Every structure is written in C-alpha cells, then in structure tokens.
C-alpha cells in the first residue's frame, strides 16, 4: 500500500481500480477523503442519494455510549442490572456489563437481521457467561437502547434516543440523516436502520479520525472513545461496535464476511471499520488521514452459499487497489 501521507488522485488509477472493483460487486458509491479533502468521488446515482447502512448503524452505538459517559449517564463497566433491575440477582445476568453488550460478549444470541424490541432484548436469556463468547447479533444493541432510554427518563430528559443522538452528535457534526428506521415498539433501531448519503457518513468518519472531536472540542468522553477500538479476549477483531484488523474467530458468517483480521498484516494497524450487510463500509485510517466510504446494493441472494465466489467482497483487496 501507499506510504503514509501519499496522495490519492481523484482521477488516478487507485480511485478507478477501487471503483471498478466495487461496481463489479453491486457498488453504488466510493468516496475517499484525505485530510478532510475529497480525493475520490464516484457514484452511480445522484450524490445526494441515501442508502441504508444496515449494521454500519451499530458503530454509532459505541459513540452514543461514549457521549453518555461524558454526560454522566453511565460507565462502560457498570452492570446492566444497575438499570435493568429485573436482571439483579439472576445468575450470569447480574455480571453482564455495558462493555459486554457493546463488544457482543454478553452471552446473548439473536437472529441477525431480526432485531427484537427493546423490551424483548431485556427479557432474553443468556447462553454463555459474560465475556467468554462472541455472539454477533442485534439483541445487545437493542438492550443498550433500553438501558439508555431508562437512564434518560430517570435524568428527566426525553427518552427518545434519536433525539439524544441528534443533539449530542449529529447536529454538532452538521450531519443530516435521511431516515432512521424504528422497530415495532416505536424506538429507533440500533443494530441497523440508519440511512445516509456517502458524504454524510464520511462526516462521521472524519469525527472518528479526529479522535472524537469537532473543531478541537471533544463531543464524547476521550477515555471511553479510546476503549471503542480495543478488542476483547473472546474476539480481538471486534471492539465496542467497531471491527478491527486482528485475528478473530470466524465461525459466524458476519465475522467471516470481513477479511481485515485474516489479512491484518497487509493493512494499516490503526484501521477501524464500520460494516453493514451488502458490504456497506466506512474505513477510517488516522495515520494516513483517510476516511473511505463504500456503499452498495443489498442483494441477499449474493450473500448466500450459492453466490458466485468471483463477486465476493474483500476489504483487503479493495484497500490494496485504492491505496497501492
């Protein structure tokens, strides 16, 4: 890959090669910012076209948690049972922390793509002791939503999380969300559901590249922000809602869908990734000043066992084409 600081020309071979790779795999847009300036911008439709991030939405949840830490609403290592009182005194459940939820190591198993309501997530049983196993799914994010909702109400604030995120993160960043889908309970979905243009998602990426700051001001707790990008013992390749370039267990299809762990030696060590179904991608590489957005059409058939291997997405290959 290119050396740190190496410029990527908007009309250069890297942009063209990466876009061609993306287009051949249902790609809709590729947007690259280097040190805040657009250096590659290609899209099939209008630049203002917004697409769902799917599980890319999850990476906002870690930032929401870091904002709530700054606001004194919670700590990452507090027990879930401190807020979800019905978990108090229950074996296994009483030991689950918010960190476990955000790292998908809280022992909950849930069907990918089928988020429970906040209340249903709070009522779920555990299948493993907290911290021992990684289980990717929507329930931990929805449970975190119920915890934050209760904490906001207890603090005398509106319990709608979309309102909280808008006031604390989106408005300060100048971000416009085209849509944020809600579940059957009327609450905003946290495992999926946010719809953004490439440029709006890139604003979030710039915020991550800047260490959780905007114009030099921390919008979230700095210590909590740093914790988002540390893996767990159960899965070193997944932090608190962010994918990391570390070897990770690949038993579940979602973990196996990204190769940044298997090919970590080829990638910048400080790469972090927000990823969604259909290979929606937000890559942030602070050491190179890079924020990279890739959006695509979700084709469930292309994700199944009978899919053409030639159209399988590789994060490492895409980044190699873009940055070499």
C-alpha atoms as a PDB file:
ATOM      1  CA  UNK A   1       0.000   0.000   0.000  1.00  0.00           C
ATOM      2  CA  UNK A   2       0.953   3.611  -0.373  1.00  0.00           C
ATOM      3  CA  UNK A   3       3.168   5.132   2.269  1.00  0.00           C
ATOM      4  CA  UNK A   4       1.597   7.368   4.944  1.00  0.00           C
ATOM      5  CA  UNK A   5       0.732  10.767   3.532  1.00  0.00           C
ATOM      6  CA  UNK A   6       0.769   9.522  -0.077  1.00  0.00           C
ATOM      7  CA  UNK A   7      -1.895  11.432  -2.002  1.00  0.00           C
ATOM      8  CA  UNK A   8      -4.657   9.611  -3.820  1.00  0.00           C
ATOM      9  CA  UNK A   9      -5.649  11.381  -7.031  1.00  0.00           C
ATOM     10  CA  UNK A  10      -9.388  11.639  -7.621  1.00  0.00           C
ATOM     11  CA  UNK A  11      -8.847  10.658 -11.245  1.00  0.00           C
ATOM     12  CA  UNK A  12      -5.919   8.344 -10.544  1.00  0.00           C
ATOM     13  CA  UNK A  13      -5.516   4.644 -11.077  1.00  0.00           C
ATOM     14  CA  UNK A  14      -6.260   3.807  -7.442  1.00  0.00           C
ATOM     15  CA  UNK A  15      -9.640   5.505  -7.476  1.00  0.00           C
ATOM     16  CA  UNK A  16     -10.545   3.947 -10.826  1.00  0.00           C
ATOM     17  CA  UNK A  17      -9.412   0.451  -9.848  1.00  0.00           C
ATOM     18  CA  UNK A  18     -11.199   0.506  -6.493  1.00  0.00           C
ATOM     19  CA  UNK A  19     -14.369   1.857  -8.086  1.00  0.00           C
ATOM     20  CA  UNK A  20     -14.303  -0.841 -10.770  1.00  0.00           C
ATOM     21  CA  UNK A  21     -13.868  -3.488  -8.067  1.00  0.00           C
ATOM     22  CA  UNK A  22     -16.781  -2.014  -6.112  1.00  0.00           C
ATOM     23  CA  UNK A  23     -19.002  -1.681  -9.190  1.00  0.00           C
ATOM     24  CA  UNK A  24     -18.473  -5.343 -10.067  1.00  0.00           C
ATOM     25  CA  UNK A  25     -19.837  -6.221  -6.624  1.00  0.00           C
ATOM     26  CA  UNK A  26     -23.084  -4.228  -6.651  1.00  0.00           C
ATOM     27  CA  UNK A  27     -21.321  -0.990  -5.715  1.00  0.00           C
ATOM     28  CA  UNK A  28     -23.185   2.314  -5.666  1.00  0.00           C
ATOM     29  CA  UNK A  29     -20.622   4.811  -4.403  1.00  0.00           C
ATOM     30  CA  UNK A  30     -16.987   5.187  -3.401  1.00  0.00           C
ATOM     31  CA  UNK A  31     -15.929   8.314  -1.544  1.00  0.00           C
ATOM     32  CA  UNK A  32     -12.430   8.967  -0.196  1.00  0.00           C
ATOM     33  CA  UNK A  33     -11.332  11.896   1.942  1.00  0.00           C
ATOM     34  CA  UNK A  34      -7.683  12.526   2.749  1.00  0.00           C
ATOM     35  CA  UNK A  35      -7.031  15.051   5.495  1.00  0.00           C
ATOM     36  CA  UNK A  36     -10.615  16.215   5.062  1.00  0.00           C
ATOM     37  CA  UNK A  37     -10.429  16.833   1.298  1.00  0.00           C
ATOM     38  CA  UNK A  38     -12.292  14.698  -1.248  1.00  0.00           C
ATOM     39  CA  UNK A  39      -9.792  12.854  -3.442  1.00  0.00           C
ATOM     40  CA  UNK A  40     -12.057  10.190  -4.957  1.00  0.00           C
ATOM     41  CA  UNK A  41     -15.803  10.507  -5.507  1.00  0.00           C
ATOM     42  CA  UNK A  42     -17.697   8.126  -7.753  1.00  0.00           C
ATOM     43  CA  UNK A  43     -21.352   7.150  -7.627  1.00  0.00           C
ATOM     44  CA  UNK A  44     -23.909   5.503  -9.869  1.00  0.00           C
ATOM     45  CA  UNK A  45     -26.813   7.727  -8.885  1.00  0.00           C
ATOM     46  CA  UNK A  46     -27.047  11.266  -7.582  1.00  0.00           C
ATOM     47  CA  UNK A  47     -24.520  12.249  -4.946  1.00  0.00           C
ATOM     48  CA  UNK A  48     -27.489  13.084  -2.716  1.00  0.00           C
ATOM     49  CA  UNK A  49     -28.836   9.525  -2.882  1.00  0.00           C
ATOM     50  CA  UNK A  50     -29.006   7.994   0.602  1.00  0.00           C
ATOM     51  CA  UNK A  51     -28.677   4.285   1.358  1.00  0.00           C
ATOM     52  CA  UNK A  52     -29.166   2.199   4.467  1.00  0.00           C
ATOM     53  CA  UNK A  53     -26.022   1.404   6.429  1.00  0.00           C
ATOM     54  CA  UNK A  54     -27.548  -1.788   7.813  1.00  0.00           C
ATOM     55  CA  UNK A  55     -25.161  -2.943  10.550  1.00  0.00           C
ATOM     56  CA  UNK A  56     -22.963   0.066   9.894  1.00  0.00           C
ATOM     57  CA  UNK A  57     -25.501   1.680  12.223  1.00  0.00           C
ATOM     58  CA  UNK A  58     -24.053  -0.327  15.115  1.00  0.00           C
ATOM     59  CA  UNK A  59     -20.840   1.700  15.134  1.00  0.00           C
ATOM     60  CA  UNK A  60     -22.858   4.775  16.065  1.00  0.00           C
ATOM     61  CA  UNK A  61     -23.893   2.954  19.246  1.00  0.00           C
ATOM     62  CA  UNK A  62     -20.353   2.936  20.620  1.00  0.00           C
ATOM     63  CA  UNK A  63     -20.177   6.687  20.065  1.00  0.00           C
ATOM     64  CA  UNK A  64     -23.581   7.119  21.720  1.00  0.00           C
ATOM     65  CA  UNK A  65     -22.198   5.264  24.738  1.00  0.00           C
ATOM     66  CA  UNK A  66     -19.096   7.471  24.858  1.00  0.00           C
ATOM     67  CA  UNK A  67     -21.322  10.568  24.730  1.00  0.00           C
ATOM     68  CA  UNK A  68     -23.434   9.199  27.575  1.00  0.00           C
ATOM     69  CA  UNK A  69     -20.261   8.615  29.612  1.00  0.00           C
ATOM     70  CA  UNK A  70     -19.315  12.265  29.115  1.00  0.00           C
ATOM     71  CA  UNK A  71     -22.817  13.254  30.237  1.00  0.00           C
ATOM     72  CA  UNK A  72     -22.522  11.219  33.430  1.00  0.00           C
ATOM     73  CA  UNK A  73     -25.363   8.916  32.421  1.00  0.00           C
ATOM     74  CA  UNK A  74     -23.374   5.678  32.506  1.00  0.00           C
ATOM     75  CA  UNK A  75     -19.976   3.988  32.617  1.00  0.00           C
ATOM     76  CA  UNK A  76     -18.791   1.253  30.288  1.00  0.00           C
ATOM     77  CA  UNK A  77     -18.151  -1.206  33.091  1.00  0.00           C
ATOM     78  CA  UNK A  78     -21.323  -0.743  35.094  1.00  0.00           C
ATOM     79  CA  UNK A  79     -23.635  -3.760  35.362  1.00  0.00           C
ATOM     80  CA  UNK A  80     -26.631  -3.969  33.091  1.00  0.00           C
ATOM     81  CA  UNK A  81     -28.556  -4.867  36.257  1.00  0.00           C
ATOM     82  CA  UNK A  82     -27.918  -1.388  37.667  1.00  0.00           C
ATOM     83  CA  UNK A  83     -30.559  -0.175  35.210  1.00  0.00           C
ATOM     84  CA  UNK A  84     -32.392  -3.339  34.156  1.00  0.00           C
ATOM     85  CA  UNK A  85     -33.387  -4.208  37.710  1.00  0.00           C
ATOM     86  CA  UNK A  86     -35.052  -7.440  36.646  1.00  0.00           C
ATOM     87  CA  UNK A  87     -31.543  -8.782  35.959  1.00  0.00           C
ATOM     88  CA  UNK A  88     -30.453  -8.261  39.575  1.00  0.00           C
ATOM     89  CA  UNK A  89     -29.668 -11.468  41.413  1.00  0.00           C
ATOM     90  CA  UNK A  90     -30.093 -13.607  38.294  1.00  0.00           C
ATOM     91  CA  UNK A  91     -27.167 -15.969  37.635  1.00  0.00           C
ATOM     92  CA  UNK A  92     -24.974 -14.805  34.742  1.00  0.00           C
ATOM     93  CA  UNK A  93     -27.152 -11.764  34.038  1.00  0.00           C
ATOM     94  CA  UNK A  94     -26.063  -9.957  37.187  1.00  0.00           C
ATOM     95  CA  UNK A  95     -22.456  -9.965  35.922  1.00  0.00           C
ATOM     96  CA  UNK A  96     -23.091  -8.562  32.433  1.00  0.00           C
ATOM     97  CA  UNK A  97     -21.711  -5.052  31.881  1.00  0.00           C
ATOM     98  CA  UNK A  98     -22.352  -2.457  29.213  1.00  0.00           C
ATOM     99  CA  UNK A  99     -18.902  -3.252  27.809  1.00  0.00           C
ATOM    100  CA  UNK A 100     -20.056  -6.837  27.289  1.00  0.00           C
ATOM    101  CA  UNK A 101     -23.085  -5.638  25.331  1.00  0.00           C
ATOM    102  CA  UNK A 102     -21.089  -3.308  23.094  1.00  0.00           C
ATOM    103  CA  UNK A 103     -18.459  -5.987  22.398  1.00  0.00           C
ATOM    104  CA  UNK A 104     -21.093  -8.684  21.711  1.00  0.00           C
ATOM    105  CA  UNK A 105     -19.719 -10.799  24.562  1.00  0.00           C
ATOM    106  CA  UNK A 106     -22.684 -10.570  26.932  1.00  0.00           C
ATOM    107  CA  UNK A 107     -23.920 -14.091  26.234  1.00  0.00           C
ATOM    108  CA  UNK A 108     -26.984 -13.121  24.183  1.00  0.00           C
ATOM    109  CA  UNK A 109     -27.798 -14.906  20.939  1.00  0.00           C
ATOM    110  CA  UNK A 110     -30.224 -13.349  18.466  1.00  0.00           C
ATOM    111  CA  UNK A 111     -31.120 -13.768  14.811  1.00  0.00           C
ATOM    112  CA  UNK A 112     -29.104 -11.494  12.539  1.00  0.00           C
ATOM    113  CA  UNK A 113     -31.349  -9.108  10.650  1.00  0.00           C
ATOM    114  CA  UNK A 114     -34.296  -9.588  13.020  1.00  0.00           C
ATOM    115  CA  UNK A 115     -33.937  -7.075  15.856  1.00  0.00           C
ATOM    116  CA  UNK A 116     -36.075  -7.712  18.925  1.00  0.00           C
ATOM    117  CA  UNK A 117     -37.833  -4.802  20.567  1.00  0.00           C
ATOM    118  CA  UNK A 118     -36.029  -3.100  23.435  1.00  0.00           C
ATOM    119  CA  UNK A 119     -38.246  -4.954  25.933  1.00  0.00           C
ATOM    120  CA  UNK A 120     -37.758  -8.304  24.204  1.00  0.00           C
ATOM    121  CA  UNK A 121     -33.985  -7.837  24.298  1.00  0.00           C
ATOM    122  CA  UNK A 122     -34.155  -7.151  28.033  1.00  0.00           C
ATOM    123  CA  UNK A 123     -36.165 -10.345  28.559  1.00  0.00           C
ATOM    124  CA  UNK A 124     -33.766 -12.637  26.675  1.00  0.00           C
ATOM    125  CA  UNK A 125     -31.916 -15.431  28.434  1.00  0.00           C
ATOM    126  CA  UNK A 126     -28.152 -15.875  28.141  1.00  0.00           C
ATOM    127  CA  UNK A 127     -26.388 -18.847  26.571  1.00  0.00           C
ATOM    128  CA  UNK A 128     -22.895 -18.168  27.937  1.00  0.00           C
ATOM    129  CA  UNK A 129     -21.154 -16.457  30.823  1.00  0.00           C
ATOM    130  CA  UNK A 130     -20.373 -12.815  30.063  1.00  0.00           C
ATOM    131  CA  UNK A 131     -17.008 -12.231  28.439  1.00  0.00           C
ATOM    132  CA  UNK A 132     -16.461 -15.841  27.396  1.00  0.00           C
ATOM    133  CA  UNK A 133     -18.009 -15.997  23.912  1.00  0.00           C
ATOM    134  CA  UNK A 134     -18.599 -13.629  20.984  1.00  0.00           C
ATOM    135  CA  UNK A 135     -22.121 -13.733  19.559  1.00  0.00           C
ATOM    136  CA  UNK A 136     -22.811 -11.155  16.859  1.00  0.00           C
ATOM    137  CA  UNK A 137     -26.437 -10.082  16.684  1.00  0.00           C
ATOM    138  CA  UNK A 138     -28.967  -7.314  17.237  1.00  0.00           C
ATOM    139  CA  UNK A 139     -30.112  -8.046  20.798  1.00  0.00           C
ATOM    140  CA  UNK A 140     -27.158  -6.431  22.651  1.00  0.00           C
ATOM    141  CA  UNK A 141     -27.642  -3.164  20.752  1.00  0.00           C
ATOM    142  CA  UNK A 142     -31.370  -3.134  21.458  1.00  0.00           C
ATOM    143  CA  UNK A 143     -30.740  -3.892  25.126  1.00  0.00           C
ATOM    144  CA  UNK A 144     -28.315  -0.990  25.271  1.00  0.00           C
ATOM    145  CA  UNK A 145     -31.100   1.122  23.783  1.00  0.00           C
ATOM    146  CA  UNK A 146     -33.446   0.166  26.612  1.00  0.00           C
ATOM    147  CA  UNK A 147     -30.766   0.966  29.186  1.00  0.00           C
ATOM    148  CA  UNK A 148     -30.087   4.399  27.735  1.00  0.00           C
ATOM    149  CA  UNK A 149     -33.806   5.086  27.359  1.00  0.00           C
ATOM    150  CA  UNK A 150     -34.392   4.359  31.047  1.00  0.00           C
ATOM    151  CA  UNK A 151     -31.384   6.447  32.078  1.00  0.00           C
ATOM    152  CA  UNK A 152     -32.529   9.426  30.027  1.00  0.00           C
ATOM    153  CA  UNK A 153     -36.013   9.267  31.538  1.00  0.00           C
ATOM    154  CA  UNK A 154     -34.564   8.926  35.052  1.00  0.00           C
ATOM    155  CA  UNK A 155     -32.485  12.048  34.402  1.00  0.00           C
ATOM    156  CA  UNK A 156     -35.609  13.976  33.422  1.00  0.00           C
ATOM    157  CA  UNK A 157     -34.714  14.050  29.744  1.00  0.00           C
ATOM    158  CA  UNK A 158     -36.669  12.867  26.680  1.00  0.00           C
ATOM    159  CA  UNK A 159     -36.322   9.102  26.369  1.00  0.00           C
ATOM    160  CA  UNK A 160     -36.109   9.082  22.583  1.00  0.00           C
ATOM    161  CA  UNK A 161     -32.592   8.036  21.607  1.00  0.00           C
ATOM    162  CA  UNK A 162     -32.781   9.605  18.158  1.00  0.00           C
ATOM    163  CA  UNK A 163     -33.366  12.968  19.838  1.00  0.00           C
ATOM    164  CA  UNK A 164     -30.382  12.385  22.127  1.00  0.00           C
ATOM    165  CA  UNK A 165     -28.093  11.379  19.265  1.00  0.00           C
ATOM    166  CA  UNK A 166     -29.243  14.320  17.200  1.00  0.00           C
ATOM    167  CA  UNK A 167     -28.497  16.818  19.940  1.00  0.00           C
ATOM    168  CA  UNK A 168     -25.217  15.264  21.075  1.00  0.00           C
ATOM    169  CA  UNK A 169     -23.614  14.031  17.849  1.00  0.00           C
ATOM    170  CA  UNK A 170     -25.437  14.675  14.592  1.00  0.00           C
ATOM    171  CA  UNK A 171     -26.146  18.389  14.950  1.00  0.00           C
ATOM    172  CA  UNK A 172     -22.631  19.272  16.180  1.00  0.00           C
ATOM    173  CA  UNK A 173     -21.188  17.372  13.203  1.00  0.00           C
ATOM    174  CA  UNK A 174     -23.575  19.020  10.757  1.00  0.00           C
ATOM    175  CA  UNK A 175     -24.926  15.608   9.776  1.00  0.00           C
ATOM    176  CA  UNK A 176     -28.254  15.060   8.068  1.00  0.00           C
ATOM    177  CA  UNK A 177     -29.893  11.636   8.413  1.00  0.00           C
ATOM    178  CA  UNK A 178     -32.270  10.761   5.584  1.00  0.00           C
ATOM    179  CA  UNK A 179     -34.078   8.198   7.727  1.00  0.00           C
ATOM    180  CA  UNK A 180     -33.657   6.186  10.898  1.00  0.00           C
ATOM    181  CA  UNK A 181     -35.988   3.204  10.894  1.00  0.00           C
ATOM    182  CA  UNK A 182     -37.856   2.306  14.063  1.00  0.00           C
ATOM    183  CA  UNK A 183     -38.872  -1.040  15.463  1.00  0.00           C
ATOM    184  CA  UNK A 184     -42.302  -2.407  16.337  1.00  0.00           C
ATOM    185  CA  UNK A 185     -42.067  -0.668  19.722  1.00  0.00           C
ATOM    186  CA  UNK A 186     -41.567   2.737  18.117  1.00  0.00           C
ATOM    187  CA  UNK A 187     -37.962   3.037  19.265  1.00  0.00           C
ATOM    188  CA  UNK A 188     -35.110   3.746  16.832  1.00  0.00           C
ATOM    189  CA  UNK A 189     -33.311   0.590  15.762  1.00  0.00           C
ATOM    190  CA  UNK A 190     -29.715   0.480  16.972  1.00  0.00           C
ATOM    191  CA  UNK A 191     -28.390  -2.638  15.166  1.00  0.00           C
ATOM    192  CA  UNK A 192     -29.469  -1.259  11.769  1.00  0.00           C
ATOM    193  CA  UNK A 193     -31.800   1.272  10.211  1.00  0.00           C
ATOM    194  CA  UNK A 194     -29.807   4.465   9.639  1.00  0.00           C
ATOM    195  CA  UNK A 195     -29.942   5.832   6.077  1.00  0.00           C
ATOM    196  CA  UNK A 196     -27.197   8.228   4.946  1.00  0.00           C
ATOM    197  CA  UNK A 197     -25.563   9.608   1.836  1.00  0.00           C
ATOM    198  CA  UNK A 198     -21.891   8.807   1.361  1.00  0.00           C
ATOM    199  CA  UNK A 199     -20.933  12.363   2.281  1.00  0.00           C
ATOM    200  CA  UNK A 200     -22.931  12.328   5.499  1.00  0.00           C
ATOM    201  CA  UNK A 201     -21.384   9.007   6.541  1.00  0.00           C
ATOM    202  CA  UNK A 202     -17.978  10.479   5.733  1.00  0.00           C
ATOM    203  CA  UNK A 203     -18.658  13.310   8.202  1.00  0.00           C
ATOM    204  CA  UNK A 204     -18.988  10.673  10.893  1.00  0.00           C
ATOM    205  CA  UNK A 205     -15.748   9.095   9.683  1.00  0.00           C
ATOM    206  CA  UNK A 206     -13.968  12.446   9.938  1.00  0.00           C
ATOM    207  CA  UNK A 207     -15.190  12.718  13.524  1.00  0.00           C
ATOM    208  CA  UNK A 208     -13.679   9.308  14.265  1.00  0.00           C
ATOM    209  CA  UNK A 209     -10.428  10.262  12.511  1.00  0.00           C
ATOM    210  CA  UNK A 210     -10.267  13.380  14.692  1.00  0.00           C
ATOM    211  CA  UNK A 211     -10.400  11.274  17.845  1.00  0.00           C
ATOM    212  CA  UNK A 212     -13.991  12.072  18.751  1.00  0.00           C
ATOM    213  CA  UNK A 213     -13.532  15.819  18.414  1.00  0.00           C
ATOM    214  CA  UNK A 214     -15.063  18.553  16.292  1.00  0.00           C
ATOM    215  CA  UNK A 215     -13.151  21.806  15.860  1.00  0.00           C
ATOM    216  CA  UNK A 216     -10.893  20.746  18.720  1.00  0.00           C
ATOM    217  CA  UNK A 217     -13.755  20.056  21.138  1.00  0.00           C
ATOM    218  CA  UNK A 218     -14.410  16.559  22.477  1.00  0.00           C
ATOM    219  CA  UNK A 219     -18.027  15.586  21.850  1.00  0.00           C
ATOM    220  CA  UNK A 220     -17.602  12.338  23.795  1.00  0.00           C
ATOM    221  CA  UNK A 221     -15.554  11.109  26.728  1.00  0.00           C
ATOM    222  CA  UNK A 222     -11.968  10.669  25.405  1.00  0.00           C
ATOM    223  CA  UNK A 223     -11.184   7.622  27.547  1.00  0.00           C
ATOM    224  CA  UNK A 224     -14.416   5.888  26.548  1.00  0.00           C
ATOM    225  CA  UNK A 225     -13.748   6.787  22.905  1.00  0.00           C
ATOM    226  CA  UNK A 226     -10.361   5.051  23.018  1.00  0.00           C
ATOM    227  CA  UNK A 227     -11.965   1.935  24.508  1.00  0.00           C
ATOM    228  CA  UNK A 228     -14.157   1.535  21.425  1.00  0.00           C
ATOM    229  CA  UNK A 229     -11.151   0.413  19.411  1.00  0.00           C
ATOM    230  CA  UNK A 230      -9.875  -2.326  21.730  1.00  0.00           C
ATOM    231  CA  UNK A 231     -10.846  -5.918  21.070  1.00  0.00           C
ATOM    232  CA  UNK A 232     -11.998  -8.428  23.668  1.00  0.00           C
ATOM    233  CA  UNK A 233     -10.443 -11.735  24.689  1.00  0.00           C
ATOM    234  CA  UNK A 234     -13.380 -13.510  23.088  1.00  0.00           C
ATOM    235  CA  UNK A 235     -12.870 -11.622  19.810  1.00  0.00           C
ATOM    236  CA  UNK A 236      -9.789  -9.407  19.372  1.00  0.00           C
ATOM    237  CA  UNK A 237     -11.149  -8.400  15.957  1.00  0.00           C
ATOM    238  CA  UNK A 238     -14.184  -6.584  17.352  1.00  0.00           C
ATOM    239  CA  UNK A 239     -14.041  -3.656  19.735  1.00  0.00           C
ATOM    240  CA  UNK A 240     -17.039  -1.839  21.125  1.00  0.00           C
ATOM    241  CA  UNK A 241     -19.165  -1.801  17.935  1.00  0.00           C
ATOM    242  CA  UNK A 242     -16.141  -1.417  15.595  1.00  0.00           C
ATOM    243  CA  UNK A 243     -14.273  -4.052  13.549  1.00  0.00           C
ATOM    244  CA  UNK A 244     -10.501  -4.161  13.995  1.00  0.00           C
ATOM    245  CA  UNK A 245      -7.618  -5.710  11.987  1.00  0.00           C
ATOM    246  CA  UNK A 246      -6.883  -8.544  14.407  1.00  0.00           C
ATOM    247  CA  UNK A 247      -7.307 -12.281  14.037  1.00  0.00           C
ATOM    248  CA  UNK A 248     -10.827 -13.183  15.097  1.00  0.00           C
ATOM    249  CA  UNK A 249     -12.893 -16.355  15.394  1.00  0.00           C
ATOM    250  CA  UNK A 250     -14.739 -16.814  12.124  1.00  0.00           C
ATOM    251  CA  UNK A 251     -17.429 -19.318  12.980  1.00  0.00           C
ATOM    252  CA  UNK A 252     -20.315 -16.932  12.313  1.00  0.00           C
ATOM    253  CA  UNK A 253     -20.975 -15.615   8.788  1.00  0.00           C
ATOM    254  CA  UNK A 254     -20.758 -11.957   9.793  1.00  0.00           C
ATOM    255  CA  UNK A 255     -17.253 -12.270  11.236  1.00  0.00           C
ATOM    256  CA  UNK A 256     -16.247 -14.288   8.180  1.00  0.00           C
ATOM    257  CA  UNK A 257     -17.606 -11.585   5.851  1.00  0.00           C
ATOM    258  CA  UNK A 258     -14.644  -9.278   6.508  1.00  0.00           C
ATOM    259  CA  UNK A 259     -11.040 -10.317   5.912  1.00  0.00           C
ATOM    260  CA  UNK A 260      -9.342  -7.479   7.807  1.00  0.00           C
ATOM    261  CA  UNK A 261      -8.455  -9.947  10.549  1.00  0.00           C
ATOM    262  CA  UNK A 262      -7.190 -12.749   8.329  1.00  0.00           C
ATOM    263  CA  UNK A 263      -5.144 -10.273   6.267  1.00  0.00           C
ATOM    264  CA  UNK A 264      -4.221  -7.876   9.043  1.00  0.00           C
ATOM    265  CA  UNK A 265      -0.531  -7.972   8.095  1.00  0.00           C
ATOM    266  CA  UNK A 266      -1.396  -6.223   4.809  1.00  0.00           C
ATOM    267  CA  UNK A 267      -3.360  -3.403   6.439  1.00  0.00           C
ATOM    268  CA  UNK A 268      -2.574  -0.269   8.462  1.00  0.00           C
ATOM    269  CA  UNK A 269      -2.574  -1.183  12.138  1.00  0.00           C
ATOM    270  CA  UNK A 270      -4.840   1.729  13.070  1.00  0.00           C
ATOM    271  CA  UNK A 271      -7.567   0.863  10.548  1.00  0.00           C
ATOM    272  CA  UNK A 272     -11.059   0.702  12.065  1.00  0.00           C
ATOM    273  CA  UNK A 273     -14.161  -0.401  10.208  1.00  0.00           C
ATOM    274  CA  UNK A 274     -17.916   0.066  10.401  1.00  0.00           C
ATOM    275  CA  UNK A 275     -19.563  -2.629   8.283  1.00  0.00           C
ATOM    276  CA  UNK A 276     -23.074  -3.462   7.146  1.00  0.00           C
ATOM    277  CA  UNK A 277     -24.908  -6.069   5.100  1.00  0.00           C
ATOM    278  CA  UNK A 278     -24.282  -5.878   1.387  1.00  0.00           C
ATOM    279  CA  UNK A 279     -20.721  -4.768   2.156  1.00  0.00           C
ATOM    280  CA  UNK A 280     -21.549  -1.243   3.239  1.00  0.00           C
ATOM    281  CA  UNK A 281     -18.250   0.106   4.540  1.00  0.00           C
ATOM    282  CA  UNK A 282     -16.755   3.023   6.438  1.00  0.00           C
ATOM    283  CA  UNK A 283     -12.973   2.694   6.788  1.00  0.00           C
ATOM    284  CA  UNK A 284     -11.022   5.144   8.948  1.00  0.00           C
ATOM    285  CA  UNK A 285      -7.209   5.165   8.857  1.00  0.00           C
ATOM    286  CA  UNK A 286      -5.995   8.065  11.050  1.00  0.00           C
ATOM    287  CA  UNK A 287      -2.279   7.534  10.342  1.00  0.00           C
ATOM    288  CA  UNK A 288      -2.927   8.217   6.664  1.00  0.00           C
ATOM    289  CA  UNK A 289      -5.559  10.883   7.141  1.00  0.00           C
ATOM    290  CA  UNK A 290      -8.086   8.692   5.345  1.00  0.00           C
ATOM    291  CA  UNK A 291     -11.839   8.265   5.551  1.00  0.00           C
ATOM    292  CA  UNK A 292     -13.277   5.877   2.955  1.00  0.00           C
ATOM    293  CA  UNK A 293     -16.957   5.190   2.296  1.00  0.00           C
ATOM    294  CA  UNK A 294     -18.245   2.378   0.120  1.00  0.00           C
ATOM    295  CA  UNK A 295     -21.976   1.808  -0.408  1.00  0.00           C
ATOM    296  CA  UNK A 296     -23.680  -0.972  -2.335  1.00  0.00           C
ATOM    297  CA  UNK A 297     -26.985  -2.521  -3.271  1.00  0.00           C
ATOM    298  CA  UNK A 298     -28.023  -5.216  -0.822  1.00  0.00           C
ATOM    299  CA  UNK A 299     -28.658  -8.494  -2.645  1.00  0.00           C
ATOM    300  CA  UNK A 300     -29.486 -11.263  -0.189  1.00  0.00           C
ATOM    301  CA  UNK A 301     -29.043 -13.938  -2.859  1.00  0.00           C
ATOM    302  CA  UNK A 302     -25.476 -12.762  -3.393  1.00  0.00           C
ATOM    303  CA  UNK A 303     -24.767 -13.363   0.285  1.00  0.00           C
ATOM    304  CA  UNK A 304     -25.963 -16.973   0.289  1.00  0.00           C
ATOM    305  CA  UNK A 305     -23.980 -20.208  -0.065  1.00  0.00           C
ATOM    306  CA  UNK A 306     -24.666 -20.361  -3.803  1.00  0.00           C
ATOM    307  CA  UNK A 307     -23.200 -16.938  -4.515  1.00  0.00           C
ATOM    308  CA  UNK A 308     -20.565 -16.529  -7.212  1.00  0.00           C
ATOM    309  CA  UNK A 309     -17.146 -16.543  -5.460  1.00  0.00           C
ATOM    310  CA  UNK A 310     -15.889 -14.069  -8.062  1.00  0.00           C
ATOM    311  CA  UNK A 311     -18.218 -11.411  -6.667  1.00  0.00           C
ATOM    312  CA  UNK A 312     -17.296 -11.939  -3.011  1.00  0.00           C
ATOM    313  CA  UNK A 313     -16.204  -8.744  -1.289  1.00  0.00           C
ATOM    314  CA  UNK A 314     -12.688  -8.425   0.125  1.00  0.00           C
ATOM    315  CA  UNK A 315     -11.853  -5.414   2.275  1.00  0.00           C
ATOM    316  CA  UNK A 316      -8.145  -6.083   1.881  1.00  0.00           C
ATOM    317  CA  UNK A 317      -8.353  -6.294  -1.928  1.00  0.00           C
ATOM    318  CA  UNK A 318     -10.420  -3.114  -2.166  1.00  0.00           C
ATOM    319  CA  UNK A 319      -7.998  -1.166   0.027  1.00  0.00           C
ATOM    320  CA  UNK A 320      -4.998  -2.550  -1.862  1.00  0.00           C
ATOM    321  CA  UNK A 321      -6.445  -1.357  -5.168  1.00  0.00           C
ATOM    322  CA  UNK A 322      -7.278   2.045  -3.759  1.00  0.00           C
ATOM    323  CA  UNK A 323      -4.040   2.711  -1.909  1.00  0.00           C
ATOM    324  CA  UNK A 324      -1.346   0.980  -3.960  1.00  0.00           C
END
